[in-house]
Protein backbone atom coordinates (compact mmCIF):
# COMPACT_ATOMS: atom_id res chain seq x y z
CA UNK A 1 -39.03 9.84 14.63
CA UNK A 2 -39.35 10.69 18.26
CA UNK A 3 -36.64 8.73 20.12
CA UNK A 4 -33.96 9.80 17.81
CA UNK A 5 -34.39 13.32 18.34
CA UNK A 6 -34.83 12.57 22.02
CA UNK A 7 -31.68 10.19 22.19
CA UNK A 8 -29.23 11.13 25.01
CA UNK A 9 -26.01 11.18 23.89
CA UNK A 10 -23.19 8.84 25.08
CA UNK A 11 -20.39 10.68 23.41
CA UNK A 12 -18.99 12.43 26.70
CA UNK A 13 -18.97 9.36 28.74
CA UNK A 14 -17.19 7.74 25.98
CA UNK A 15 -14.93 10.78 25.36
CA UNK A 16 -14.16 10.58 28.81
CA UNK A 17 -13.59 6.78 29.27
CA UNK A 18 -11.15 6.88 26.55
CA UNK A 19 -9.12 9.79 26.94
CA UNK A 20 -8.33 8.46 30.81
CA UNK A 21 -7.36 4.71 29.76
CA UNK A 22 -5.16 6.63 26.74
CA UNK A 23 -3.68 8.50 29.84
CA UNK A 24 -2.78 5.34 31.92
CA UNK A 25 -1.08 4.60 28.77
CA UNK A 26 -2.76 1.78 27.76
CA UNK A 27 -2.84 0.71 23.74
CA UNK A 28 -5.56 1.85 21.60
CA UNK A 29 -7.28 -1.43 20.46
CA UNK A 30 -6.95 -2.59 24.27
CA UNK A 31 -8.58 -0.25 25.60
CA UNK A 32 -12.62 -1.25 23.81
CA UNK A 33 -14.74 -3.54 26.11
CA UNK A 34 -14.80 -6.48 23.03
CA UNK A 35 -10.86 -5.75 22.24
CA UNK A 36 -9.75 -8.96 23.22
CA UNK A 37 -11.75 -10.74 21.00
CA UNK A 38 -11.27 -9.33 18.05
CA UNK A 39 -7.46 -8.75 19.26
CA UNK A 40 -7.14 -13.02 19.92
CA UNK A 41 -9.44 -13.49 16.53
CA UNK A 42 -6.86 -11.42 14.60
CA UNK A 43 -3.88 -13.27 15.72
CA UNK A 44 -5.50 -16.87 15.14
CA UNK A 45 -5.92 -15.21 11.34
CA UNK A 46 -2.52 -13.84 11.09
CA UNK A 47 -0.36 -16.83 12.65
CA UNK A 48 -2.32 -19.34 11.07
CA UNK A 49 -0.94 -18.30 7.28
CA UNK A 50 1.49 -17.55 8.56
CA UNK A 51 2.61 -21.64 9.62
CA UNK A 52 0.35 -22.54 6.83
CA UNK A 53 2.08 -20.28 4.49
CA UNK A 54 4.83 -21.56 5.28
CA UNK A 55 4.63 -24.63 5.64
CA UNK A 56 3.97 -24.86 1.62
CA UNK A 57 7.04 -23.51 0.94
CA UNK A 58 9.05 -25.26 2.63
CA UNK A 59 6.61 -28.47 1.10
CA UNK A 60 7.73 -26.82 -2.20
CA UNK A 61 10.87 -26.22 -1.26
CA UNK A 62 11.60 -29.71 -1.06
CA UNK A 63 10.20 -30.61 -4.26
CA UNK A 64 6.34 -31.43 -3.80
CA UNK A 65 3.28 -29.51 -4.94
CA UNK A 66 0.16 -30.43 -2.82
CA UNK A 67 -0.24 -30.19 0.30
CA UNK A 68 -0.42 -33.57 2.19
CA UNK A 69 0.63 -36.82 -0.54
CA UNK A 70 4.11 -37.14 -1.48
CA UNK A 71 4.50 -37.96 -4.89
């Protein structure tokens, strides 16, 4: 357990990093080092789900109850 007791405190460094980016009017979700990957994954999932829903809704309006078959 001595590693936990003598561990350096990195909170002030990270706090300065985030506060400096926030002063430059950077959005909070764009500040972190992995934010690009997270935002890209989220956008793909969100727009993919939206597109699939619109496709299924259009097929339902046209009278088809399945995704691919023309019955």
